[in-house]
Every structure is written in C-alpha cells, then in structure tokens.
C-alpha atoms as a PDB file:
ATOM      1  CA  MET A   1      -1.416  -3.995   6.075  1.00  0.00           C
ATOM      2  CA  PRO A   2      -0.906  -0.549   4.523  1.00  0.00           C
ATOM      3  CA  GLU A   3      -2.477  -0.349   1.071  1.00  0.00           C
ATOM      4  CA  LEU A   4      -1.847   1.935  -1.877  1.00  0.00           C
ATOM      5  CA  PRO A   5      -3.138   5.187  -0.260  1.00  0.00           C
ATOM      6  CA  GLU A   6      -1.079   4.657   2.881  1.00  0.00           C
ATOM      7  CA  VAL A   7       2.101   3.842   0.969  1.00  0.00           C
ATOM      8  CA  GLU A   8       1.572   6.824  -1.329  1.00  0.00           C
ATOM      9  CA  THR A   9       1.057   9.043   1.721  1.00  0.00           C
ATOM     10  CA  VAL A  10       4.325   7.778   3.186  1.00  0.00           C
ATOM     11  CA  ARG A  11       6.075   8.391  -0.151  1.00  0.00           C
ATOM     12  CA  ARG A  12       4.898  11.992  -0.230  1.00  0.00           C
ATOM     13  CA  SER A  13       5.904  12.529   3.373  1.00  0.00           C
ATOM     14  CA  LEU A  14       9.454  11.416   2.588  1.00  0.00           C
ATOM     15  CA  GLN A  15      10.174  14.359   0.263  1.00  0.00           C
ATOM     16  CA  PRO A  16      12.555  15.951   2.830  1.00  0.00           C
ATOM     17  CA  ILE A  17      15.079  13.137   2.246  1.00  0.00           C
ATOM     18  CA  LEU A  18      15.521  13.883  -1.463  1.00  0.00           C
ATOM     19  CA  GLY A  19      19.057  14.950  -2.262  1.00  0.00           C
ATOM     20  CA  ARG A  20      20.438  13.752   1.049  1.00  0.00           C
ATOM     21  CA  ARG A  21      23.236  11.240   1.289  1.00  0.00           C
ATOM     22  CA  ILE A  22      23.082   8.048   3.333  1.00  0.00           C
ATOM     23  CA  GLU A  23      26.089   8.418   5.622  1.00  0.00           C
ATOM     24  CA  ARG A  24      25.695   5.395   7.877  1.00  0.00           C
ATOM     25  CA  VAL A  25      23.336   2.412   8.419  1.00  0.00           C
ATOM     26  CA  HIS A  26      22.591   0.926  11.820  1.00  0.00           C
ATOM     27  CA  LEU A  27      21.216  -2.606  11.379  1.00  0.00           C
ATOM     28  CA  TRP A  28      19.987  -3.853  14.728  1.00  0.00           C
ATOM     29  CA  GLU A  29      17.612  -6.567  13.574  1.00  0.00           C
ATOM     30  CA  PRO A  30      18.101  -8.183  10.124  1.00  0.00           C
ATOM     31  CA  ARG A  31      15.343 -10.803  10.617  1.00  0.00           C
ATOM     32  CA  LEU A  32      12.488  -9.119   8.760  1.00  0.00           C
ATOM     33  CA  ARG A  33      10.083 -10.920   6.369  1.00  0.00           C
ATOM     34  CA  ARG A  34      13.186 -11.681   4.343  1.00  0.00           C
ATOM     35  CA  ARG A  35      16.550 -11.357   6.045  1.00  0.00           C
ATOM     36  CA  VAL A  36      18.320  -8.075   5.287  1.00  0.00           C
ATOM     37  CA  GLN A  37      21.296  -8.661   2.964  1.00  0.00           C
ATOM     38  CA  LEU A  38      24.683  -9.065   4.596  1.00  0.00           C
ATOM     39  CA  ASP A  39      26.075  -6.325   2.342  1.00  0.00           C
ATOM     40  CA  PHE A  40      22.989  -4.091   2.601  1.00  0.00           C
ATOM     41  CA  ALA A  41      24.869  -1.179   4.252  1.00  0.00           C
ATOM     42  CA  GLN A  42      27.734  -1.442   1.753  1.00  0.00           C
ATOM     43  CA  ARG A  43      25.261  -1.165  -1.119  1.00  0.00           C
ATOM     44  CA  VAL A  44      23.601   2.060   0.101  1.00  0.00           C
ATOM     45  CA  VAL A  45      26.094   4.013   2.222  1.00  0.00           C
ATOM     46  CA  GLY A  46      27.550   7.018   0.438  1.00  0.00           C
ATOM     47  CA  ARG A  47      24.712   7.236  -2.072  1.00  0.00           C
ATOM     48  CA  ARG A  48      22.376  10.190  -2.514  1.00  0.00           C
ATOM     49  CA  ILE A  49      18.609   9.622  -2.517  1.00  0.00           C
ATOM     50  CA  GLU A  50      17.543  10.930  -5.939  1.00  0.00           C
ATOM     51  CA  ALA A  51      13.824  10.024  -5.847  1.00  0.00           C
ATOM     52  CA  VAL A  52      11.246   8.028  -3.894  1.00  0.00           C
ATOM     53  CA  GLN A  53       8.784   6.162  -6.065  1.00  0.00           C
ATOM     54  CA  ARG A  54       6.002   3.639  -5.452  1.00  0.00           C
ATOM     55  CA  ARG A  55       5.051   0.365  -7.122  1.00  0.00           C
ATOM     56  CA  GLY A  56       1.787  -0.803  -5.645  1.00  0.00           C
ATOM     57  CA  LYS A  57       2.523  -1.343  -1.975  1.00  0.00           C
ATOM     58  CA  TYR A  58       6.302  -1.096  -2.404  1.00  0.00           C
ATOM     59  CA  LEU A  59       8.486   2.006  -1.931  1.00  0.00           C
ATOM     60  CA  LEU A  60      11.421   2.390  -4.316  1.00  0.00           C
ATOM     61  CA  PHE A  61      14.330   4.651  -3.392  1.00  0.00           C
ATOM     62  CA  ASP A  62      16.449   5.714  -6.350  1.00  0.00           C
ATOM     63  CA  LEU A  63      20.009   5.910  -5.074  1.00  0.00           C
ATOM     64  CA  ALA A  64      21.487   6.722  -8.496  1.00  0.00           C
ATOM     65  CA  ASP A  65      23.945   4.656 -10.575  1.00  0.00           C
ATOM     66  CA  GLU A  66      21.220   2.055 -11.099  1.00  0.00           C
ATOM     67  CA  VAL A  67      21.113   1.163  -7.388  1.00  0.00           C
ATOM     68  CA  TRP A  68      17.691   0.994  -5.751  1.00  0.00           C
ATOM     69  CA  MET A  69      16.422   0.351  -2.237  1.00  0.00           C
ATOM     70  CA  LEU A  70      13.099  -1.462  -1.919  1.00  0.00           C
ATOM     71  CA  GLY A  71      10.899  -1.039   1.131  1.00  0.00           C
ATOM     72  CA  HIS A  72       7.690  -2.695   2.207  1.00  0.00           C
ATOM     73  CA  LEU A  73       5.890  -1.786   5.420  1.00  0.00           C
ATOM     74  CA  GLY A  74       4.410  -5.261   6.028  1.00  0.00           C
ATOM     75  CA  MET A  75       1.682  -5.384   8.641  1.00  0.00           C
ATOM     76  CA  SER A  76       2.970  -2.834  11.120  1.00  0.00           C
ATOM     77  CA  GLY A  77       6.029  -1.121   9.694  1.00  0.00           C
ATOM     78  CA  ALA A  78       6.757   2.589   9.585  1.00  0.00           C
ATOM     79  CA  LEU A  79       9.542   4.733   8.105  1.00  0.00           C
ATOM     80  CA  LEU A  80      10.032   7.638  10.468  1.00  0.00           C
ATOM     81  CA  LEU A  81      11.911  10.875   9.778  1.00  0.00           C
ATOM     82  CA  GLN A  82      13.660  12.118  12.892  1.00  0.00           C
ATOM     83  CA  PRO A  83      16.295  14.658  13.895  1.00  0.00           C
ATOM     84  CA  ALA A  84      19.764  13.217  14.081  1.00  0.00           C
ATOM     85  CA  GLY A  85      20.508  11.727  17.460  1.00  0.00           C
ATOM     86  CA  THR A  86      16.938  10.668  18.261  1.00  0.00           C
ATOM     87  CA  ALA A  87      17.212   7.714  20.667  1.00  0.00           C
ATOM     88  CA  ARG A  88      16.407   4.226  19.490  1.00  0.00           C
ATOM     89  CA  ALA A  89      12.845   3.135  20.339  1.00  0.00           C
ATOM     90  CA  PRO A  90      11.437  -0.346  20.786  1.00  0.00           C
ATOM     91  CA  HIS A  91      11.107  -2.159  17.448  1.00  0.00           C
ATOM     92  CA  ASP A  92      13.514   0.163  15.642  1.00  0.00           C
ATOM     93  CA  HIS A  93      15.323  -2.327  13.437  1.00  0.00           C
ATOM     94  CA  VAL A  94      17.204  -0.201  10.870  1.00  0.00           C
ATOM     95  CA  ARG A  95      18.278   3.408  10.934  1.00  0.00           C
ATOM     96  CA  PHE A  96      19.781   5.498   8.149  1.00  0.00           C
ATOM     97  CA  ASP A  97      21.850   8.483   9.180  1.00  0.00           C
ATOM     98  CA  LEU A  98      21.368  11.092   6.437  1.00  0.00           C
ATOM     99  CA  SER A  99      23.290  14.227   5.602  1.00  0.00           C
ATOM    100  CA  GLY A 100      21.856  17.428   6.988  1.00  0.00           C
ATOM    101  CA  ALA A 101      21.282  16.082  10.566  1.00  0.00           C
ATOM    102  CA  LEU A 102      18.358  13.842   9.696  1.00  0.00           C
ATOM    103  CA  GLN A 103      17.732  10.127  10.235  1.00  0.00           C
ATOM    104  CA  LEU A 104      15.264   7.698   8.724  1.00  0.00           C
ATOM    105  CA  THR A 105      14.219   4.792  10.950  1.00  0.00           C
ATOM    106  CA  PHE A 106      12.449   1.596  10.016  1.00  0.00           C
ATOM    107  CA  ASN A 107      10.231   0.549  12.946  1.00  0.00           C
ATOM    108  CA  ASP A 108       8.263  -2.704  12.701  1.00  0.00           C
ATOM    109  CA  PRO A 109       6.815  -4.485  15.743  1.00  0.00           C
ATOM    110  CA  ARG A 110       5.769  -7.608  13.796  1.00  0.00           C
ATOM    111  CA  ARG A 111       8.809  -7.727  11.504  1.00  0.00           C
ATOM    112  CA  PHE A 112       6.778  -8.508   8.370  1.00  0.00           C
ATOM    113  CA  GLY A 113       8.323  -5.571   6.548  1.00  0.00           C
ATOM    114  CA  LEU A 114      11.126  -5.675   3.999  1.00  0.00           C
ATOM    115  CA  LEU A 115      14.241  -3.805   3.046  1.00  0.00           C
ATOM    116  CA  ARG A 116      16.356  -4.786   0.015  1.00  0.00           C
ATOM    117  CA  ALA A 117      19.000  -3.043  -2.114  1.00  0.00           C
ATOM    118  CA  GLY A 118      20.396  -3.658  -5.538  1.00  0.00           C
ATOM    119  CA  ALA A 119      19.801  -3.311  -9.262  1.00  0.00           C
ATOM    120  CA  VAL A 120      16.188  -3.518 -10.393  1.00  0.00           C
ATOM    121  CA  ASP A 121      16.617  -7.075 -11.708  1.00  0.00           C
ATOM    122  CA  GLU A 122      17.774  -8.157  -8.253  1.00  0.00           C
ATOM    123  CA  LEU A 123      14.549  -6.938  -6.647  1.00  0.00           C
ATOM    124  CA  THR A 124      12.559 -10.069  -7.418  1.00  0.00           C
ATOM    125  CA  GLU A 125       9.580  -8.897  -5.396  1.00  0.00           C
ATOM    126  CA  LEU A 126       8.694  -6.524  -8.259  1.00  0.00           C
ATOM    127  CA  ARG A 127       8.536  -9.158 -10.981  1.00  0.00           C
ATOM    128  CA  ASN A 128       4.892 -10.072 -10.495  1.00  0.00           C
ATOM    129  CA  VAL A 129       3.539  -6.624  -9.535  1.00  0.00           C
ATOM    130  CA  GLY A 130       0.580  -5.689 -11.752  1.00  0.00           C
ATOM    131  CA  PRO A 131      -0.354  -2.242 -13.078  1.00  0.00           C
ATOM    132  CA  ASP A 132      -1.075   0.612 -10.684  1.00  0.00           C
ATOM    133  CA  PRO A 133      -4.763   1.572 -10.747  1.00  0.00           C
ATOM    134  CA  LEU A 134      -3.812   5.277 -10.445  1.00  0.00           C
ATOM    135  CA  ASP A 135      -1.241   5.163 -13.239  1.00  0.00           C
ATOM    136  CA  ALA A 136      -2.234   7.554 -16.013  1.00  0.00           C
ATOM    137  CA  GLY A 137      -1.396   4.837 -18.513  1.00  0.00           C
ATOM    138  CA  PHE A 138      -3.771   2.310 -16.987  1.00  0.00           C
ATOM    139  CA  THR A 139      -7.065   2.685 -18.802  1.00  0.00           C
ATOM    140  CA  GLU A 140     -10.653   1.693 -18.428  1.00  0.00           C
ATOM    141  CA  VAL A 141     -10.236  -0.630 -21.414  1.00  0.00           C
ATOM    142  CA  GLN A 142      -7.312  -2.390 -19.756  1.00  0.00           C
ATOM    143  CA  PHE A 143      -9.285  -2.820 -16.557  1.00  0.00           C
ATOM    144  CA  LEU A 144     -12.215  -4.289 -18.467  1.00  0.00           C
ATOM    145  CA  ALA A 145      -9.815  -6.735 -20.116  1.00  0.00           C
ATOM    146  CA  LEU A 146      -8.606  -7.903 -16.702  1.00  0.00           C
ATOM    147  CA  THR A 147     -12.101  -8.991 -15.742  1.00  0.00           C
ATOM    148  CA  ARG A 148     -12.953 -10.900 -18.939  1.00  0.00           C
ATOM    149  CA  GLN A 149     -13.331 -14.712 -18.602  1.00  0.00           C
ATOM    150  CA  ARG A 150     -12.268 -14.601 -14.954  1.00  0.00           C
ATOM    151  CA  LYS A 151     -14.149 -16.965 -12.675  1.00  0.00           C
ATOM    152  CA  LYS A 152     -12.761 -15.595  -9.427  1.00  0.00           C
ATOM    153  CA  PRO A 153     -14.890 -13.181  -7.350  1.00  0.00           C
ATOM    154  CA  ILE A 154     -14.380  -9.590  -8.378  1.00  0.00           C
ATOM    155  CA  LYS A 155     -13.098  -8.656  -4.939  1.00  0.00           C
ATOM    156  CA  ASN A 156     -10.403 -11.295  -5.143  1.00  0.00           C
ATOM    157  CA  LEU A 157      -9.390  -9.947  -8.549  1.00  0.00           C
ATOM    158  CA  LEU A 158      -9.049  -6.431  -7.162  1.00  0.00           C
ATOM    159  CA  MET A 159      -6.772  -7.747  -4.422  1.00  0.00           C
ATOM    160  CA  ASP A 160      -4.606  -9.909  -6.695  1.00  0.00           C
ATOM    161  CA  GLN A 161      -1.329  -7.990  -6.707  1.00  0.00           C
ATOM    162  CA  SER A 162      -0.174  -9.665  -9.897  1.00  0.00           C
ATOM    163  CA  LEU A 163      -3.206  -8.275 -11.716  1.00  0.00           C
ATOM    164  CA  LEU A 164      -3.640  -4.933  -9.955  1.00  0.00           C
ATOM    165  CA  ALA A 165      -1.054  -3.481  -7.595  1.00  0.00           C
ATOM    166  CA  GLY A 166      -1.739  -1.839  -4.268  1.00  0.00           C
ATOM    167  CA  VAL A 167      -5.401  -2.592  -3.595  1.00  0.00           C
ATOM    168  CA  GLY A 168      -6.165  -4.446  -0.368  1.00  0.00           C
ATOM    169  CA  ASN A 169      -9.257  -5.391   1.619  1.00  0.00           C
ATOM    170  CA  ILE A 170     -10.296  -1.909   2.756  1.00  0.00           C
ATOM    171  CA  TYR A 171     -10.389  -0.234  -0.642  1.00  0.00           C
ATOM    172  CA  ALA A 172     -11.705  -3.272  -2.520  1.00  0.00           C
ATOM    173  CA  ASN A 173     -14.743  -3.331  -0.219  1.00  0.00           C
ATOM    174  CA  GLU A 174     -15.280   0.428  -0.441  1.00  0.00           C
ATOM    175  CA  ALA A 175     -14.907   0.619  -4.222  1.00  0.00           C
ATOM    176  CA  LEU A 176     -17.359  -2.242  -4.743  1.00  0.00           C
ATOM    177  CA  PHE A 177     -19.889  -0.491  -2.553  1.00  0.00           C
ATOM    178  CA  ARG A 178     -19.534   2.728  -4.518  1.00  0.00           C
ATOM    179  CA  ALA A 179     -20.020   0.826  -7.774  1.00  0.00           C
ATOM    180  CA  GLY A 180     -23.003  -1.146  -6.467  1.00  0.00           C
ATOM    181  CA  ILE A 181     -21.366  -4.534  -7.048  1.00  0.00           C
ATOM    182  CA  ARG A 182     -21.327  -7.460  -4.613  1.00  0.00           C
ATOM    183  CA  PRO A 183     -17.876  -8.725  -3.632  1.00  0.00           C
ATOM    184  CA  GLY A 184     -18.711 -12.328  -4.556  1.00  0.00           C
ATOM    185  CA  ARG A 185     -19.775 -11.636  -8.142  1.00  0.00           C
ATOM    186  CA  ARG A 186     -17.695 -13.468 -10.735  1.00  0.00           C
ATOM    187  CA  ALA A 187     -15.413 -10.954 -12.375  1.00  0.00           C
ATOM    188  CA  GLY A 188     -16.144 -12.275 -15.845  1.00  0.00           C
ATOM    189  CA  ARG A 189     -19.877 -11.675 -15.413  1.00  0.00           C
ATOM    190  CA  LEU A 190     -19.623  -7.958 -14.896  1.00  0.00           C
ATOM    191  CA  THR A 191     -21.166  -5.970 -17.677  1.00  0.00           C
ATOM    192  CA  ARG A 192     -19.135  -3.355 -19.473  1.00  0.00           C
ATOM    193  CA  ALA A 193     -21.087  -0.630 -17.646  1.00  0.00           C
ATOM    194  CA  GLU A 194     -20.416  -2.275 -14.265  1.00  0.00           C
ATOM    195  CA  ALA A 195     -16.710  -2.626 -14.989  1.00  0.00           C
ATOM    196  CA  GLN A 196     -16.572   1.039 -16.024  1.00  0.00           C
ATOM    197  CA  ALA A 197     -18.370   2.047 -12.823  1.00  0.00           C
ATOM    198  CA  LEU A 198     -16.008  -0.018 -10.713  1.00  0.00           C
ATOM    199  CA  PHE A 199     -12.922   1.424 -12.451  1.00  0.00           C
ATOM    200  CA  ALA A 200     -14.129   4.939 -11.666  1.00  0.00           C
ATOM    201  CA  ALA A 201     -15.132   4.019  -8.121  1.00  0.00           C
ATOM    202  CA  LEU A 202     -11.771   2.439  -7.402  1.00  0.00           C
ATOM    203  CA  ARG A 203      -9.792   5.407  -8.601  1.00  0.00           C
ATOM    204  CA  SER A 204     -11.953   7.929  -6.769  1.00  0.00           C
ATOM    205  CA  CYS A 205     -11.787   5.898  -3.560  1.00  0.00           C
ATOM    206  CA  LEU A 206      -7.986   5.649  -3.690  1.00  0.00           C
ATOM    207  CA  ARG A 207      -7.578   9.325  -4.484  1.00  0.00           C
ATOM    208  CA  GLU A 208      -9.851  10.428  -1.678  1.00  0.00           C
ATOM    209  CA  ALA A 209      -8.005   8.171   0.749  1.00  0.00           C
ATOM    210  CA  ILE A 210      -4.694   9.713  -0.283  1.00  0.00           C
ATOM    211  CA  GLU A 211      -6.114  13.205   0.315  1.00  0.00           C
ATOM    212  CA  LEU A 212      -7.064  12.119   3.828  1.00  0.00           C
ATOM    213  CA  GLY A 213      -3.702  10.541   4.574  1.00  0.00           C
ATOM    214  CA  GLY A 214      -4.866   6.933   4.282  1.00  0.00           C
ATOM    215  CA  SER A 215      -6.687   4.798   6.827  1.00  0.00           C
ATOM    216  CA  SER A 216      -5.264   4.354  10.329  1.00  0.00           C
ATOM    217  CA  ILE A 217      -7.199   1.315  11.491  1.00  0.00           C
ATOM    218  CA  SER A 218      -4.273  -0.403  13.179  1.00  0.00           C
ATOM    219  CA  ASP A 219      -0.595   0.619  13.211  1.00  0.00           C
ATOM    220  CA  TYR A 220      -0.284   2.815  10.134  1.00  0.00           C
ATOM    221  CA  ARG A 221       1.378   6.266  10.320  1.00  0.00           C
ATOM    222  CA  ASP A 222       3.338   8.370   7.871  1.00  0.00           C
ATOM    223  CA  SER A 223       7.017   9.376   8.233  1.00  0.00           C
ATOM    224  CA  ALA A 224       6.093  12.218  10.601  1.00  0.00           C
ATOM    225  CA  GLY A 225       4.129   9.825  12.818  1.00  0.00           C
ATOM    226  CA  ARG A 226       0.785  11.252  11.647  1.00  0.00           C
ATOM    227  CA  THR A 227      -2.273   9.026  11.283  1.00  0.00           C
ATOM    228  CA  GLY A 228      -4.806   9.070   8.413  1.00  0.00           C
ATOM    229  CA  TYR A 229      -8.506   9.867   8.507  1.00  0.00           C
ATOM    230  CA  PHE A 230     -10.118   7.958   5.644  1.00  0.00           C
ATOM    231  CA  GLN A 231     -11.396   5.379   8.156  1.00  0.00           C
ATOM    232  CA  LEU A 232     -13.860   8.005   9.367  1.00  0.00           C
ATOM    233  CA  THR A 233     -15.598   7.920   5.984  1.00  0.00           C
ATOM    234  CA  LEU A 234     -15.847   4.116   5.512  1.00  0.00           C
ATOM    235  CA  ALA A 235     -19.234   3.005   4.193  1.00  0.00           C
ATOM    236  CA  VAL A 236     -19.015  -0.780   4.629  1.00  0.00           C
ATOM    237  CA  TYR A 237     -15.608  -1.979   5.716  1.00  0.00           C
ATOM    238  CA  ASP A 238     -15.758  -3.556   9.212  1.00  0.00           C
ATOM    239  CA  ARG A 239     -19.307  -2.209   9.743  1.00  0.00           C
ATOM    240  CA  THR A 240     -21.192  -5.500  10.049  1.00  0.00           C
ATOM    241  CA  GLY A 241     -24.740  -4.916  11.341  1.00  0.00           C
ATOM    242  CA  GLN A 242     -24.509  -1.163  11.073  1.00  0.00           C
ATOM    243  CA  PRO A 243     -26.858   0.725   8.733  1.00  0.00           C
ATOM    244  CA  CYS A 244     -25.944   1.169   5.113  1.00  0.00           C
ATOM    245  CA  PRO A 245     -25.309   4.887   4.510  1.00  0.00           C
ATOM    246  CA  ARG A 246     -27.597   4.761   1.460  1.00  0.00           C
ATOM    247  CA  CYS A 247     -30.556   2.586   2.418  1.00  0.00           C
ATOM    248  CA  ALA A 248     -30.128   1.906   6.179  1.00  0.00           C
ATOM    249  CA  GLN A 249     -30.192  -1.875   5.707  1.00  0.00           C
ATOM    250  CA  PRO A 250     -27.635  -3.688   7.968  1.00  0.00           C
ATOM    251  CA  ILE A 251     -24.215  -4.237   6.415  1.00  0.00           C
ATOM    252  CA  ARG A 252     -23.474  -7.903   5.814  1.00  0.00           C
ATOM    253  CA  ARG A 253     -20.252  -9.869   6.108  1.00  0.00           C
ATOM    254  CA  LYS A 254     -19.022 -12.893   4.177  1.00  0.00           C
ATOM    255  CA  VAL A 255     -15.626 -14.544   3.789  1.00  0.00           C
ATOM    256  CA  HIS A 256     -14.002 -14.745   0.353  1.00  0.00           C
ATOM    257  CA  ALA A 257     -10.662 -16.520   0.066  1.00  0.00           C
ATOM    258  CA  GLY A 258     -10.083 -16.134   3.786  1.00  0.00           C
ATOM    259  CA  ARG A 259     -10.745 -12.392   3.846  1.00  0.00           C
ATOM    260  CA  SER A 260     -13.855 -10.670   5.203  1.00  0.00           C
ATOM    261  CA  SER A 261     -16.091  -8.954   2.665  1.00  0.00           C
ATOM    262  CA  PHE A 262     -18.540  -6.238   3.771  1.00  0.00           C
ATOM    263  CA  TYR A 263     -21.458  -5.150   1.594  1.00  0.00           C
ATOM    264  CA  CYS A 264     -25.054  -4.002   1.453  1.00  0.00           C
ATOM    265  CA  GLY A 265     -27.473  -6.683   0.252  1.00  0.00           C
ATOM    266  CA  ARG A 266     -29.820  -4.082  -1.195  1.00  0.00           C
ATOM    267  CA  CYS A 267     -27.458  -1.560  -2.765  1.00  0.00           C
ATOM    268  CA  GLN A 268     -24.966  -4.049  -4.238  1.00  0.00           C
ATOM    269  CA  ARG A 269     -25.977  -6.575  -6.894  1.00  0.00           C
END
C-alpha cells in the first residue's frame, strides 16, 4: 500500500490539474473499497480544482465552495494524468474529463482504493487520522508524548494511523533501523534520547523517500506513470538474511501484529 512518501509524490505530480474544471465524470466501476456515491458526479462536475492536499495517506482535492473530493490509492491504485481522448485501459474505474484537454483516471486492479466527495464533515475517513510526521507543527515533544505509557511495540505505534498518519511498514522499519531501535521494543520504554533519535530518523527517511519519488516495490506509480527509487536504498525492509549495511550481520525477520518486521540484531537495541 502506498505510504506517505508515495502519496505526497502523487500529490506533487498532480499540480497540472490546479485551476482546471471537472467537465464530466465517467464512472465505470463504483464497487471500490467503499461504493462510490450515487451522486458523486453531480457533486464534482462543474467545479474547479483549487488545490490538492494530503492527510496522511489520503489525497484531498479542494473543489471550492466547501466541497472536497477524497482519494485513497488502496493497495494498487493510481491517479493518472492523460491527454483527453486516451482510451480506457483495463482496471480504469473512474475518469474525470478536465478543461484544457486533460483527463484524470483512477486505475485500481484490486479495487481497494476510495473516492468520496462532500463537505469535510461528510468525509468520515478523516475523523481518526493522526498528526502528519512531516507537519511543521508536529514537534519532537509531541512525538515523545505519543510514546509515553504505551505498551504496544514501537513499530505498531508508528503504523497506527490514529496516532501518526501516513507511516506504513516500509518506513517504520527503515526509521527504526536508522535510530538503532528494535521494532518490538515497548514504546513506553524508549528513553527520551531514543525517542528524539527516532523522530529525527522518521522525518529524514520520509523526506529522502519523497525526493526519490517513493518506493515502487509493487504497483505504485505517480500520475505520470513514473516509478520511485527509494527501494534501491532500503537497509532492512524485505532483506531477511542479507548483510546489515552497517555491521554485515544477517538481517532478521519477526512478525508483529501480523506484519513482518526487519531489523539488525546487533545494530538495533
């Protein structure tokens, strides 16, 4: 599933749609993770796209007059910018015809993605989204407070979208390696210095991934169809048995809450 860096990369790649008007919606397959609203087209057609924002793993399209469109890429979704008249491809489920001879197509082979439209209070998916780790207003002190008196493993905390938005398995593993902390450590047992190191590692990891266009391990691509390159720099994720880039010890794998954790038994404590 695309994580914060991938969604942010998609957001940035969608800048050409700003100021364009949605002229028509083609809804070929409404059965996504949540069925597309019956009046979805009526809510968005005729509106200009004022801005594209991001909340964690969600994309938010500001259509003005307090109407928003919410998008989530799910496991395999992509929002593709194409010249007007581009033929429909397999798994194209929704297409927006935009002013200026451009179209935006939602393609999703697994149909775990999401498209909703309405006022902010109608977009219930956003109600339990935690702070964004790259938000300038999210501080080291606030991050430390999140970890206090928490019994859950620190990796699970990083991936809890109600506590911290946008971080998934790839970047949780990589940030913990950079900070020298084992994924299974209880969050509440991190020292202040360890929490500070993890906060810095998480932010640097996410920023570097954005610079490299995200991680294209499976289906991910931006709106121009381009893949990311951060996966070429991964230190521990999905590298079981391979040498640690710091000490050459084999990378280990354990399962925490049903998700694989990858770490170095020597470098991470």
